Amino acid sequence: MTRPPTAAQRRVIEAADPVTGRLKGTEAQLAALVKRGLAFRHPRPPHDHFLTPAGHRLRETPEPVAAVEAPAAAESGVFAARIGGEEAADAGPSRIREVHSAWQGLLELRRMTNPDGAVDRPCGWERTHLVQAAALALEAAGHRPAGAEGGGYRVRATPQPEAVAVREPDPGALRACAATLEQAGWQVGEHTEPRTGARYVLASPRRV
């Protein structure tokens, strides 16, 4: 697990621009935040630094950074949306705020890293974190993730490049998940499991 930010780095995060997430600090502080997945360096001059979704979440909540980098988020190193199948967890107002903050941070990441500044289609980070990105879009839209047992959505990786599978036992809820992903800039299509006959959605980030 990555060490938490220092007090000076925390002050840099807290002083970020409230709208864009733009950061000001020493090169060492900014580089350390990038290494922790809390900031990214814009590829175009003047190469400013901005908060990632994890950085936005840390800035919006008083929780220690260990919560940001919990085991559920270890793979991506950033905010962990619920992919479905986790143990029962808090779904109260604090979680709703965290998810909203992460989604807004992701939209800002799209604006800053898509070549044309578009926010209506996924960015590079989402293409390398497909399951988390799709799950965040669903959770931010209010869909219910599956618990350890029972109904709700489940997002899983597939053998296909740049594609995730979304399963939801309720047909209406599955169609609603597909509509949400389509609105979030994903290409979606419904398919049927050959052996079980169960319907699922295959989703890929839209490029144009």
N, C-alpha and C. Protein backbone atom coordinates (compact mmCIF):
# COMPACT_ATOMS: atom_id res chain seq x y z
N MET A 1 0.84 -1.20 0.00
CA MET A 1 0.00 0.00 0.00
C MET A 1 0.88 1.24 0.00
N THR A 2 0.55 2.22 -0.78
CA THR A 2 1.32 3.45 -0.86
C THR A 2 1.17 4.24 0.42
N ARG A 3 2.27 4.88 0.83
CA ARG A 3 2.22 5.71 2.03
C ARG A 3 1.28 6.89 1.81
N PRO A 4 0.60 7.34 2.89
CA PRO A 4 -0.32 8.47 2.74
C PRO A 4 0.44 9.75 2.44
N PRO A 5 -0.22 10.75 1.90
CA PRO A 5 0.45 12.02 1.60
C PRO A 5 0.94 12.68 2.88
N THR A 6 1.97 13.47 2.76
CA THR A 6 2.46 14.25 3.89
C THR A 6 1.51 15.40 4.15
N ALA A 7 1.73 16.09 5.26
CA ALA A 7 0.88 17.24 5.58
C ALA A 7 0.98 18.31 4.49
N ALA A 8 2.21 18.51 3.98
CA ALA A 8 2.39 19.52 2.92
C ALA A 8 1.66 19.11 1.65
N GLN A 9 1.69 17.82 1.31
CA GLN A 9 0.98 17.35 0.12
C GLN A 9 -0.52 17.46 0.31
N ARG A 10 -1.00 17.22 1.52
CA ARG A 10 -2.42 17.37 1.79
C ARG A 10 -2.86 18.82 1.59
N ARG A 11 -2.00 19.75 2.02
CA ARG A 11 -2.34 21.17 1.84
C ARG A 11 -2.42 21.52 0.36
N VAL A 12 -1.54 20.92 -0.44
CA VAL A 12 -1.59 21.15 -1.89
C VAL A 12 -2.93 20.65 -2.45
N ILE A 13 -3.35 19.47 -2.01
CA ILE A 13 -4.62 18.90 -2.48
C ILE A 13 -5.79 19.78 -2.06
N GLU A 14 -5.79 20.20 -0.79
CA GLU A 14 -6.91 20.99 -0.28
C GLU A 14 -6.98 22.36 -0.94
N ALA A 15 -5.83 22.86 -1.44
CA ALA A 15 -5.81 24.17 -2.09
C ALA A 15 -6.09 24.11 -3.58
N ALA A 16 -6.42 22.92 -4.09
CA ALA A 16 -6.69 22.76 -5.53
C ALA A 16 -7.89 23.61 -5.94
N ASP A 17 -7.89 24.02 -7.20
CA ASP A 17 -9.01 24.79 -7.73
C ASP A 17 -10.29 23.97 -7.57
N PRO A 18 -11.35 24.53 -6.96
CA PRO A 18 -12.55 23.76 -6.68
C PRO A 18 -13.30 23.27 -7.91
N VAL A 19 -13.08 23.90 -9.05
CA VAL A 19 -13.79 23.50 -10.27
C VAL A 19 -12.93 22.58 -11.13
N THR A 20 -11.71 23.02 -11.46
CA THR A 20 -10.87 22.26 -12.38
C THR A 20 -9.98 21.24 -11.69
N GLY A 21 -9.74 21.41 -10.38
CA GLY A 21 -8.81 20.53 -9.69
C GLY A 21 -7.36 20.84 -9.97
N ARG A 22 -7.08 22.04 -10.52
CA ARG A 22 -5.70 22.42 -10.83
C ARG A 22 -4.92 22.60 -9.55
N LEU A 23 -3.68 22.10 -9.56
CA LEU A 23 -2.84 22.10 -8.37
C LEU A 23 -1.68 23.07 -8.51
N LYS A 24 -1.24 23.58 -7.37
CA LYS A 24 -0.03 24.38 -7.30
C LYS A 24 0.84 23.83 -6.18
N GLY A 25 2.12 23.68 -6.44
CA GLY A 25 3.03 23.15 -5.44
C GLY A 25 4.41 22.99 -6.03
N THR A 26 5.32 22.47 -5.23
CA THR A 26 6.67 22.24 -5.74
C THR A 26 6.66 21.05 -6.68
N GLU A 27 7.67 20.96 -7.53
CA GLU A 27 7.76 19.83 -8.46
C GLU A 27 7.79 18.50 -7.70
N ALA A 28 8.47 18.49 -6.57
CA ALA A 28 8.57 17.24 -5.78
C ALA A 28 7.20 16.85 -5.23
N GLN A 29 6.46 17.83 -4.71
CA GLN A 29 5.13 17.54 -4.18
C GLN A 29 4.20 17.03 -5.26
N LEU A 30 4.21 17.70 -6.42
CA LEU A 30 3.32 17.30 -7.51
C LEU A 30 3.69 15.93 -8.05
N ALA A 31 5.00 15.67 -8.18
CA ALA A 31 5.44 14.35 -8.67
C ALA A 31 5.03 13.25 -7.70
N ALA A 32 5.10 13.54 -6.40
CA ALA A 32 4.71 12.54 -5.40
C ALA A 32 3.21 12.26 -5.48
N LEU A 33 2.41 13.29 -5.72
CA LEU A 33 0.97 13.09 -5.84
C LEU A 33 0.62 12.29 -7.09
N VAL A 34 1.37 12.53 -8.18
CA VAL A 34 1.17 11.75 -9.40
C VAL A 34 1.49 10.28 -9.13
N LYS A 35 2.59 10.05 -8.43
CA LYS A 35 3.01 8.67 -8.13
C LYS A 35 1.95 7.94 -7.31
N ARG A 36 1.26 8.66 -6.44
CA ARG A 36 0.23 8.06 -5.59
C ARG A 36 -1.12 7.93 -6.31
N GLY A 37 -1.20 8.43 -7.55
CA GLY A 37 -2.46 8.34 -8.29
C GLY A 37 -3.46 9.41 -7.89
N LEU A 38 -2.99 10.44 -7.18
CA LEU A 38 -3.89 11.51 -6.73
C LEU A 38 -3.87 12.71 -7.66
N ALA A 39 -2.92 12.75 -8.58
CA ALA A 39 -2.82 13.87 -9.53
C ALA A 39 -2.29 13.33 -10.85
N PHE A 40 -2.49 14.12 -11.91
CA PHE A 40 -1.90 13.78 -13.20
C PHE A 40 -1.34 15.05 -13.84
N ARG A 41 -0.34 14.88 -14.68
CA ARG A 41 0.30 16.00 -15.36
C ARG A 41 -0.30 16.13 -16.75
N HIS A 42 -0.83 17.30 -17.07
CA HIS A 42 -1.46 17.49 -18.37
C HIS A 42 -0.41 17.34 -19.47
N PRO A 43 -0.75 16.59 -20.55
CA PRO A 43 0.24 16.32 -21.60
C PRO A 43 0.62 17.53 -22.44
N ARG A 44 -0.22 18.59 -22.44
CA ARG A 44 0.07 19.75 -23.27
C ARG A 44 0.61 20.90 -22.42
N PRO A 45 1.47 21.73 -23.01
CA PRO A 45 2.00 22.90 -22.29
C PRO A 45 0.84 23.75 -21.77
N PRO A 46 0.96 24.36 -20.59
CA PRO A 46 2.17 24.43 -19.74
C PRO A 46 2.34 23.25 -18.80
N HIS A 47 1.73 22.12 -19.09
CA HIS A 47 1.91 20.89 -18.30
C HIS A 47 1.52 21.08 -16.84
N ASP A 48 0.37 21.71 -16.61
CA ASP A 48 -0.12 21.86 -15.24
C ASP A 48 -0.53 20.51 -14.67
N HIS A 49 -0.66 20.47 -13.37
CA HIS A 49 -1.08 19.26 -12.67
C HIS A 49 -2.52 19.42 -12.18
N PHE A 50 -3.29 18.31 -12.22
CA PHE A 50 -4.68 18.34 -11.82
C PHE A 50 -4.99 17.11 -10.97
N LEU A 51 -6.01 17.23 -10.13
CA LEU A 51 -6.43 16.10 -9.31
C LEU A 51 -7.05 15.00 -10.18
N THR A 52 -6.77 13.76 -9.84
CA THR A 52 -7.47 12.61 -10.42
C THR A 52 -8.76 12.39 -9.62
N PRO A 53 -9.62 11.45 -10.03
CA PRO A 53 -10.80 11.15 -9.20
C PRO A 53 -10.44 10.81 -7.76
N ALA A 54 -9.33 10.09 -7.55
CA ALA A 54 -8.91 9.77 -6.18
C ALA A 54 -8.54 11.03 -5.42
N GLY A 55 -7.87 11.96 -6.09
CA GLY A 55 -7.51 13.22 -5.45
C GLY A 55 -8.72 14.04 -5.08
N HIS A 56 -9.72 14.07 -5.99
CA HIS A 56 -10.96 14.78 -5.68
C HIS A 56 -11.64 14.16 -4.47
N ARG A 57 -11.65 12.84 -4.42
CA ARG A 57 -12.33 12.17 -3.30
C ARG A 57 -11.62 12.49 -1.99
N LEU A 58 -10.31 12.43 -2.01
CA LEU A 58 -9.55 12.73 -0.79
C LEU A 58 -9.80 14.17 -0.34
N ARG A 59 -9.92 15.06 -1.30
CA ARG A 59 -10.13 16.47 -0.99
C ARG A 59 -11.53 16.72 -0.41
N GLU A 60 -12.52 15.94 -0.88
CA GLU A 60 -13.90 16.15 -0.47
C GLU A 60 -14.26 15.46 0.84
N THR A 61 -13.48 14.47 1.25
CA THR A 61 -13.83 13.71 2.45
C THR A 61 -12.70 13.79 3.47
N PRO A 62 -13.05 13.71 4.76
CA PRO A 62 -12.04 13.77 5.81
C PRO A 62 -11.36 12.44 6.07
N GLU A 63 -11.70 11.41 5.29
CA GLU A 63 -11.14 10.09 5.54
C GLU A 63 -9.65 10.07 5.25
N PRO A 64 -8.88 9.24 5.96
CA PRO A 64 -7.46 9.11 5.67
C PRO A 64 -7.25 8.49 4.30
N VAL A 65 -6.10 8.72 3.71
CA VAL A 65 -5.85 8.23 2.36
C VAL A 65 -5.89 6.72 2.28
N ALA A 66 -5.69 6.03 3.41
CA ALA A 66 -5.76 4.57 3.41
C ALA A 66 -7.11 4.10 2.90
N ALA A 67 -8.17 4.88 3.17
CA ALA A 67 -9.49 4.50 2.68
C ALA A 67 -9.56 4.62 1.17
N VAL A 68 -8.83 5.58 0.60
CA VAL A 68 -8.80 5.74 -0.85
C VAL A 68 -8.09 4.56 -1.49
N GLU A 69 -7.06 4.09 -0.82
CA GLU A 69 -6.25 3.02 -1.38
C GLU A 69 -6.53 1.69 -0.69
N ALA A 70 -7.79 1.47 -0.34
CA ALA A 70 -8.19 0.22 0.28
C ALA A 70 -7.98 -0.92 -0.69
N PRO A 71 -8.01 -2.18 -0.22
CA PRO A 71 -7.80 -3.31 -1.12
C PRO A 71 -8.71 -3.29 -2.34
N ALA A 72 -9.93 -2.83 -2.19
CA ALA A 72 -10.85 -2.80 -3.34
C ALA A 72 -10.34 -1.88 -4.43
N ALA A 73 -9.48 -0.92 -4.07
CA ALA A 73 -8.98 0.03 -5.06
C ALA A 73 -7.53 -0.24 -5.42
N ALA A 74 -6.98 -1.33 -4.90
CA ALA A 74 -5.55 -1.57 -5.07
C ALA A 74 -5.15 -1.71 -6.53
N GLU A 75 -6.02 -2.33 -7.34
CA GLU A 75 -5.65 -2.56 -8.73
C GLU A 75 -5.48 -1.24 -9.50
N SER A 76 -6.40 -0.33 -9.28
CA SER A 76 -6.34 0.92 -10.05
C SER A 76 -5.60 2.02 -9.33
N GLY A 77 -5.50 1.93 -8.00
CA GLY A 77 -4.84 2.96 -7.23
C GLY A 77 -5.68 4.20 -7.07
N VAL A 78 -6.93 4.18 -7.52
CA VAL A 78 -7.79 5.36 -7.40
C VAL A 78 -9.13 4.93 -6.82
N PHE A 79 -10.09 5.84 -6.86
CA PHE A 79 -11.41 5.58 -6.28
C PHE A 79 -11.98 4.26 -6.78
N ALA A 80 -12.54 3.49 -5.87
CA ALA A 80 -13.08 2.18 -6.22
C ALA A 80 -14.60 2.22 -6.25
N ALA A 81 -15.17 2.26 -7.43
CA ALA A 81 -16.61 2.11 -7.56
C ALA A 81 -16.97 0.66 -7.28
N ARG A 82 -18.21 0.41 -6.93
CA ARG A 82 -18.63 -0.95 -6.60
C ARG A 82 -19.00 -1.71 -7.87
N ILE A 83 -18.29 -2.79 -8.10
CA ILE A 83 -18.50 -3.56 -9.32
C ILE A 83 -19.58 -4.63 -9.16
N GLY A 84 -20.05 -4.81 -7.93
CA GLY A 84 -21.07 -5.82 -7.65
C GLY A 84 -20.45 -7.09 -7.12
N GLY A 85 -21.08 -7.65 -6.09
CA GLY A 85 -20.58 -8.87 -5.50
C GLY A 85 -19.78 -8.66 -4.23
N GLU A 86 -19.56 -7.38 -3.84
CA GLU A 86 -18.84 -7.11 -2.61
C GLU A 86 -19.74 -7.41 -1.40
N GLU A 87 -19.12 -7.47 -0.25
CA GLU A 87 -19.89 -7.59 0.98
C GLU A 87 -20.73 -6.33 1.15
N ALA A 88 -21.81 -6.45 1.90
CA ALA A 88 -22.68 -5.30 2.13
C ALA A 88 -21.86 -4.13 2.68
N ALA A 89 -22.08 -2.96 2.11
CA ALA A 89 -21.31 -1.79 2.53
C ALA A 89 -22.25 -0.59 2.62
N ASP A 90 -21.72 0.47 3.22
CA ASP A 90 -22.52 1.68 3.41
C ASP A 90 -22.99 2.24 2.08
N ALA A 91 -24.28 2.56 2.01
CA ALA A 91 -24.85 3.17 0.81
C ALA A 91 -25.54 4.47 1.17
N GLY A 92 -25.11 5.08 2.28
CA GLY A 92 -25.74 6.28 2.78
C GLY A 92 -25.25 7.54 2.11
N PRO A 93 -25.59 8.69 2.70
CA PRO A 93 -25.23 9.98 2.10
C PRO A 93 -23.74 10.17 1.86
N SER A 94 -22.89 9.68 2.77
CA SER A 94 -21.45 9.88 2.58
C SER A 94 -20.96 9.14 1.34
N ARG A 95 -21.47 7.94 1.13
CA ARG A 95 -21.08 7.17 -0.06
C ARG A 95 -21.58 7.88 -1.32
N ILE A 96 -22.79 8.38 -1.28
CA ILE A 96 -23.35 9.10 -2.44
C ILE A 96 -22.48 10.30 -2.78
N ARG A 97 -22.03 11.03 -1.76
CA ARG A 97 -21.17 12.19 -2.01
C ARG A 97 -19.83 11.76 -2.61
N GLU A 98 -19.27 10.67 -2.10
CA GLU A 98 -18.00 10.18 -2.62
C GLU A 98 -18.12 9.79 -4.09
N VAL A 99 -19.20 9.08 -4.42
CA VAL A 99 -19.39 8.64 -5.80
C VAL A 99 -19.60 9.85 -6.71
N HIS A 100 -20.39 10.82 -6.25
CA HIS A 100 -20.62 12.03 -7.05
C HIS A 100 -19.31 12.76 -7.29
N SER A 101 -18.50 12.89 -6.24
CA SER A 101 -17.22 13.58 -6.38
C SER A 101 -16.31 12.85 -7.36
N ALA A 102 -16.28 11.51 -7.26
CA ALA A 102 -15.44 10.73 -8.17
C ALA A 102 -15.91 10.87 -9.62
N TRP A 103 -17.22 10.87 -9.83
CA TRP A 103 -17.75 11.01 -11.18
C TRP A 103 -17.42 12.39 -11.75
N GLN A 104 -17.58 13.43 -10.95
CA GLN A 104 -17.24 14.77 -11.42
C GLN A 104 -15.74 14.86 -11.73
N GLY A 105 -14.93 14.21 -10.91
CA GLY A 105 -13.50 14.19 -11.18
C GLY A 105 -13.18 13.47 -12.48
N LEU A 106 -13.92 12.40 -12.75
CA LEU A 106 -13.69 11.66 -14.00
C LEU A 106 -14.10 12.49 -15.21
N LEU A 107 -15.19 13.22 -15.10
CA LEU A 107 -15.59 14.10 -16.20
C LEU A 107 -14.53 15.16 -16.45
N GLU A 108 -13.95 15.68 -15.38
CA GLU A 108 -12.88 16.67 -15.54
C GLU A 108 -11.65 16.03 -16.18
N LEU A 109 -11.37 14.78 -15.80
CA LEU A 109 -10.25 14.06 -16.40
C LEU A 109 -10.49 13.88 -17.90
N ARG A 110 -11.72 13.58 -18.29
CA ARG A 110 -12.06 13.49 -19.71
C ARG A 110 -11.78 14.82 -20.41
N ARG A 111 -12.25 15.90 -19.79
CA ARG A 111 -12.10 17.21 -20.41
C ARG A 111 -10.63 17.57 -20.60
N MET A 112 -9.80 17.19 -19.63
CA MET A 112 -8.40 17.58 -19.67
C MET A 112 -7.55 16.66 -20.55
N THR A 113 -7.96 15.42 -20.73
CA THR A 113 -7.09 14.47 -21.43
C THR A 113 -7.60 14.03 -22.80
N ASN A 114 -8.90 14.16 -23.09
CA ASN A 114 -9.36 13.89 -24.44
C ASN A 114 -8.84 15.01 -25.36
N PRO A 115 -8.30 14.68 -26.53
CA PRO A 115 -7.68 15.69 -27.39
C PRO A 115 -8.59 16.89 -27.69
N ASP A 116 -9.89 16.63 -27.83
CA ASP A 116 -10.80 17.72 -28.15
C ASP A 116 -11.55 18.25 -26.93
N GLY A 117 -11.14 17.78 -25.74
CA GLY A 117 -11.78 18.24 -24.52
C GLY A 117 -13.17 17.70 -24.30
N ALA A 118 -13.55 16.64 -25.02
CA ALA A 118 -14.91 16.10 -24.92
C ALA A 118 -15.12 15.39 -23.58
N VAL A 119 -16.30 15.57 -23.01
CA VAL A 119 -16.64 14.87 -21.76
C VAL A 119 -17.71 13.81 -22.00
N ASP A 120 -18.14 13.64 -23.26
CA ASP A 120 -19.21 12.69 -23.55
C ASP A 120 -18.70 11.33 -24.00
N ARG A 121 -17.40 11.12 -23.91
CA ARG A 121 -16.87 9.79 -24.22
C ARG A 121 -15.68 9.49 -23.31
N PRO A 122 -15.41 8.22 -23.05
CA PRO A 122 -14.36 7.83 -22.12
C PRO A 122 -12.97 8.33 -22.53
N CYS A 123 -12.11 8.48 -21.52
CA CYS A 123 -10.74 8.93 -21.75
C CYS A 123 -9.77 7.76 -21.61
N GLY A 124 -8.50 8.05 -21.72
CA GLY A 124 -7.49 6.99 -21.67
C GLY A 124 -7.51 6.21 -20.37
N TRP A 125 -7.70 6.91 -19.24
CA TRP A 125 -7.72 6.20 -17.95
C TRP A 125 -8.82 5.15 -17.94
N GLU A 126 -9.99 5.49 -18.47
CA GLU A 126 -11.09 4.55 -18.46
C GLU A 126 -10.80 3.32 -19.32
N ARG A 127 -10.05 3.52 -20.40
CA ARG A 127 -9.73 2.40 -21.29
C ARG A 127 -8.74 1.43 -20.65
N THR A 128 -8.02 1.89 -19.65
CA THR A 128 -7.09 1.01 -18.95
C THR A 128 -7.66 0.52 -17.62
N HIS A 129 -8.85 0.99 -17.26
CA HIS A 129 -9.53 0.56 -16.03
C HIS A 129 -11.01 0.35 -16.36
N LEU A 130 -11.26 -0.56 -17.30
CA LEU A 130 -12.60 -0.73 -17.86
C LEU A 130 -13.66 -1.05 -16.82
N VAL A 131 -13.38 -2.01 -15.96
CA VAL A 131 -14.38 -2.46 -14.99
C VAL A 131 -14.71 -1.33 -14.02
N GLN A 132 -13.68 -0.68 -13.48
CA GLN A 132 -13.91 0.42 -12.55
C GLN A 132 -14.65 1.58 -13.21
N ALA A 133 -14.28 1.89 -14.46
CA ALA A 133 -14.90 3.01 -15.16
C ALA A 133 -16.38 2.75 -15.41
N ALA A 134 -16.71 1.56 -15.89
CA ALA A 134 -18.11 1.22 -16.15
C ALA A 134 -18.91 1.20 -14.85
N ALA A 135 -18.31 0.63 -13.80
CA ALA A 135 -18.99 0.55 -12.52
C ALA A 135 -19.25 1.94 -11.94
N LEU A 136 -18.28 2.85 -12.11
CA LEU A 136 -18.47 4.21 -11.61
C LEU A 136 -19.63 4.90 -12.33
N ALA A 137 -19.72 4.72 -13.65
CA ALA A 137 -20.82 5.31 -14.40
C ALA A 137 -22.16 4.79 -13.89
N LEU A 138 -22.22 3.50 -13.59
CA LEU A 138 -23.47 2.90 -13.11
C LEU A 138 -23.81 3.36 -11.70
N GLU A 139 -22.80 3.32 -10.82
CA GLU A 139 -23.07 3.70 -9.42
C GLU A 139 -23.43 5.19 -9.33
N ALA A 140 -22.74 6.02 -10.14
CA ALA A 140 -23.02 7.46 -10.11
C ALA A 140 -24.43 7.77 -10.60
N ALA A 141 -24.97 6.91 -11.47
CA ALA A 141 -26.32 7.11 -11.99
C ALA A 141 -27.39 6.53 -11.07
N GLY A 142 -26.98 5.93 -9.95
CA GLY A 142 -27.94 5.43 -8.98
C GLY A 142 -28.33 3.98 -9.10
N HIS A 143 -27.66 3.24 -9.99
CA HIS A 143 -27.97 1.81 -10.09
C HIS A 143 -27.43 1.07 -8.86
N ARG A 144 -28.07 0.00 -8.51
CA ARG A 144 -27.72 -0.74 -7.30
C ARG A 144 -26.75 -1.87 -7.62
N PRO A 145 -25.55 -1.85 -7.00
CA PRO A 145 -24.64 -2.97 -7.21
C PRO A 145 -25.11 -4.21 -6.46
N ALA A 146 -24.80 -5.37 -6.98
CA ALA A 146 -25.17 -6.61 -6.31
C ALA A 146 -24.39 -6.77 -5.02
N GLY A 147 -25.03 -7.35 -4.01
CA GLY A 147 -24.33 -7.71 -2.80
C GLY A 147 -23.65 -9.05 -2.99
N ALA A 148 -23.21 -9.63 -1.89
CA ALA A 148 -22.59 -10.95 -1.99
C ALA A 148 -23.57 -11.96 -2.59
N GLU A 149 -24.86 -11.73 -2.35
CA GLU A 149 -25.92 -12.54 -2.94
C GLU A 149 -27.06 -11.63 -3.37
N GLY A 150 -27.87 -12.08 -4.30
CA GLY A 150 -29.06 -11.33 -4.66
C GLY A 150 -28.89 -10.46 -5.88
N GLY A 151 -29.93 -9.64 -6.14
CA GLY A 151 -29.97 -8.84 -7.35
C GLY A 151 -29.06 -7.63 -7.30
N GLY A 152 -28.99 -6.95 -8.45
CA GLY A 152 -28.10 -5.81 -8.60
C GLY A 152 -27.13 -6.07 -9.74
N TYR A 153 -26.44 -5.02 -10.18
CA TYR A 153 -25.53 -5.19 -11.31
C TYR A 153 -24.18 -5.78 -10.87
N ARG A 154 -23.55 -6.45 -11.79
CA ARG A 154 -22.17 -6.96 -11.63
C ARG A 154 -21.41 -6.63 -12.90
N VAL A 155 -20.29 -5.95 -12.77
CA VAL A 155 -19.44 -5.60 -13.91
C VAL A 155 -18.20 -6.48 -13.86
N ARG A 156 -17.92 -7.15 -14.97
CA ARG A 156 -16.77 -8.05 -14.99
C ARG A 156 -15.98 -7.89 -16.29
N ALA A 157 -14.68 -8.18 -16.22
CA ALA A 157 -13.83 -8.15 -17.40
C ALA A 157 -14.22 -9.30 -18.33
N THR A 158 -13.86 -9.18 -19.59
CA THR A 158 -14.13 -10.22 -20.59
C THR A 158 -12.86 -10.50 -21.37
N PRO A 159 -12.82 -11.61 -22.10
CA PRO A 159 -11.65 -11.90 -22.94
C PRO A 159 -11.50 -10.91 -24.10
N GLN A 160 -12.58 -10.20 -24.43
CA GLN A 160 -12.52 -9.26 -25.54
C GLN A 160 -11.78 -7.99 -25.13
N PRO A 161 -10.93 -7.46 -26.00
CA PRO A 161 -10.22 -6.23 -25.67
C PRO A 161 -11.20 -5.06 -25.56
N GLU A 162 -10.99 -4.23 -24.55
CA GLU A 162 -11.80 -3.02 -24.33
C GLU A 162 -13.29 -3.35 -24.23
N ALA A 163 -13.64 -4.37 -23.49
CA ALA A 163 -15.05 -4.71 -23.31
C ALA A 163 -15.26 -5.29 -21.92
N VAL A 164 -16.38 -4.89 -21.30
CA VAL A 164 -16.78 -5.46 -20.02
C VAL A 164 -18.17 -6.05 -20.17
N ALA A 165 -18.49 -6.98 -19.30
CA ALA A 165 -19.83 -7.57 -19.28
C ALA A 165 -20.56 -7.05 -18.05
N VAL A 166 -21.81 -6.65 -18.25
CA VAL A 166 -22.65 -6.20 -17.14
C VAL A 166 -23.82 -7.18 -17.03
N ARG A 167 -23.95 -7.76 -15.87
CA ARG A 167 -25.05 -8.71 -15.63
C ARG A 167 -25.96 -8.17 -14.55
N GLU A 168 -27.24 -8.37 -14.74
CA GLU A 168 -28.28 -7.90 -13.81
C GLU A 168 -29.48 -8.81 -14.03
N PRO A 169 -29.90 -9.56 -13.00
CA PRO A 169 -30.97 -10.55 -13.20
C PRO A 169 -32.31 -9.96 -13.62
N ASP A 170 -32.56 -8.69 -13.27
CA ASP A 170 -33.82 -8.06 -13.66
C ASP A 170 -33.69 -7.48 -15.06
N PRO A 171 -34.48 -7.93 -16.03
CA PRO A 171 -34.34 -7.46 -17.42
C PRO A 171 -34.49 -5.95 -17.56
N GLY A 172 -35.44 -5.37 -16.84
CA GLY A 172 -35.64 -3.93 -16.92
C GLY A 172 -34.44 -3.17 -16.37
N ALA A 173 -33.90 -3.65 -15.27
CA ALA A 173 -32.72 -3.01 -14.68
C ALA A 173 -31.50 -3.16 -15.59
N LEU A 174 -31.41 -4.31 -16.28
CA LEU A 174 -30.30 -4.51 -17.22
C LEU A 174 -30.37 -3.51 -18.37
N ARG A 175 -31.57 -3.31 -18.90
CA ARG A 175 -31.75 -2.34 -19.98
C ARG A 175 -31.42 -0.92 -19.49
N ALA A 176 -31.79 -0.62 -18.24
CA ALA A 176 -31.48 0.70 -17.67
C ALA A 176 -29.97 0.88 -17.53
N CYS A 177 -29.25 -0.17 -17.14
CA CYS A 177 -27.79 -0.11 -17.05
C CYS A 177 -27.20 0.17 -18.44
N ALA A 178 -27.73 -0.51 -19.44
CA ALA A 178 -27.24 -0.30 -20.81
C ALA A 178 -27.46 1.14 -21.25
N ALA A 179 -28.62 1.70 -20.92
CA ALA A 179 -28.92 3.08 -21.30
C ALA A 179 -27.97 4.05 -20.60
N THR A 180 -27.67 3.79 -19.34
CA THR A 180 -26.74 4.66 -18.59
C THR A 180 -25.36 4.64 -19.22
N LEU A 181 -24.87 3.46 -19.54
CA LEU A 181 -23.53 3.35 -20.13
C LEU A 181 -23.49 4.02 -21.50
N GLU A 182 -24.57 3.87 -22.26
CA GLU A 182 -24.62 4.52 -23.57
C GLU A 182 -24.55 6.04 -23.42
N GLN A 183 -25.27 6.57 -22.45
CA GLN A 183 -25.25 8.01 -22.20
C GLN A 183 -23.88 8.47 -21.71
N ALA A 184 -23.14 7.56 -21.06
CA ALA A 184 -21.82 7.89 -20.53
C ALA A 184 -20.72 7.71 -21.58
N GLY A 185 -21.11 7.39 -22.82
CA GLY A 185 -20.12 7.31 -23.88
C GLY A 185 -19.63 5.91 -24.22
N TRP A 186 -20.38 4.90 -23.82
CA TRP A 186 -20.00 3.51 -24.11
C TRP A 186 -20.89 2.95 -25.22
N GLN A 187 -20.29 2.06 -26.02
CA GLN A 187 -21.07 1.31 -27.00
C GLN A 187 -21.58 0.05 -26.31
N VAL A 188 -22.87 -0.22 -26.42
CA VAL A 188 -23.45 -1.34 -25.69
C VAL A 188 -24.27 -2.23 -26.61
N GLY A 189 -24.38 -3.47 -26.22
CA GLY A 189 -25.22 -4.42 -26.94
C GLY A 189 -25.62 -5.55 -26.01
N GLU A 190 -26.86 -6.02 -26.13
CA GLU A 190 -27.33 -7.12 -25.30
C GLU A 190 -27.00 -8.45 -25.96
N HIS A 191 -26.59 -9.40 -25.14
CA HIS A 191 -26.24 -10.73 -25.63
C HIS A 191 -26.84 -11.79 -24.72
N THR A 192 -26.79 -13.03 -25.16
CA THR A 192 -27.34 -14.15 -24.40
C THR A 192 -26.25 -15.17 -24.13
N GLU A 193 -26.15 -15.60 -22.87
CA GLU A 193 -25.21 -16.67 -22.53
C GLU A 193 -25.64 -17.96 -23.23
N PRO A 194 -24.74 -18.58 -24.00
CA PRO A 194 -25.14 -19.78 -24.75
C PRO A 194 -25.63 -20.92 -23.86
N ARG A 195 -24.98 -21.11 -22.72
CA ARG A 195 -25.33 -22.27 -21.88
C ARG A 195 -26.52 -22.02 -20.97
N THR A 196 -26.62 -20.81 -20.42
CA THR A 196 -27.66 -20.54 -19.43
C THR A 196 -28.86 -19.78 -20.00
N GLY A 197 -28.66 -19.10 -21.14
CA GLY A 197 -29.73 -18.30 -21.70
C GLY A 197 -29.92 -16.96 -21.02
N ALA A 198 -29.05 -16.66 -20.04
CA ALA A 198 -29.16 -15.38 -19.33
C ALA A 198 -28.70 -14.24 -20.22
N ARG A 199 -29.40 -13.11 -20.11
CA ARG A 199 -29.04 -11.93 -20.89
C ARG A 199 -27.98 -11.11 -20.15
N TYR A 200 -27.09 -10.50 -20.90
CA TYR A 200 -26.10 -9.61 -20.31
C TYR A 200 -25.76 -8.52 -21.32
N VAL A 201 -25.11 -7.47 -20.86
CA VAL A 201 -24.72 -6.35 -21.71
C VAL A 201 -23.21 -6.36 -21.88
N LEU A 202 -22.79 -6.21 -23.12
CA LEU A 202 -21.37 -6.07 -23.43
C LEU A 202 -21.13 -4.59 -23.76
N ALA A 203 -20.20 -3.96 -23.06
CA ALA A 203 -19.98 -2.52 -23.23
C ALA A 203 -18.51 -2.22 -23.51
N SER A 204 -18.28 -1.29 -24.45
CA SER A 204 -16.92 -0.86 -24.80
C SER A 204 -16.89 0.66 -24.87
N PRO A 205 -15.78 1.29 -24.46
CA PRO A 205 -15.69 2.75 -24.54
C PRO A 205 -15.76 3.23 -25.99
N ARG A 206 -16.60 4.22 -26.24
CA ARG A 206 -16.74 4.77 -27.58
C ARG A 206 -15.53 5.65 -27.87
N ARG A 207 -15.03 5.59 -29.10
CA ARG A 207 -13.86 6.35 -29.48
C ARG A 207 -14.21 7.66 -30.19
N VAL A 208 -15.31 7.70 -30.91
CA VAL A 208 -15.69 8.91 -31.65
C VAL A 208 -17.11 9.31 -31.28
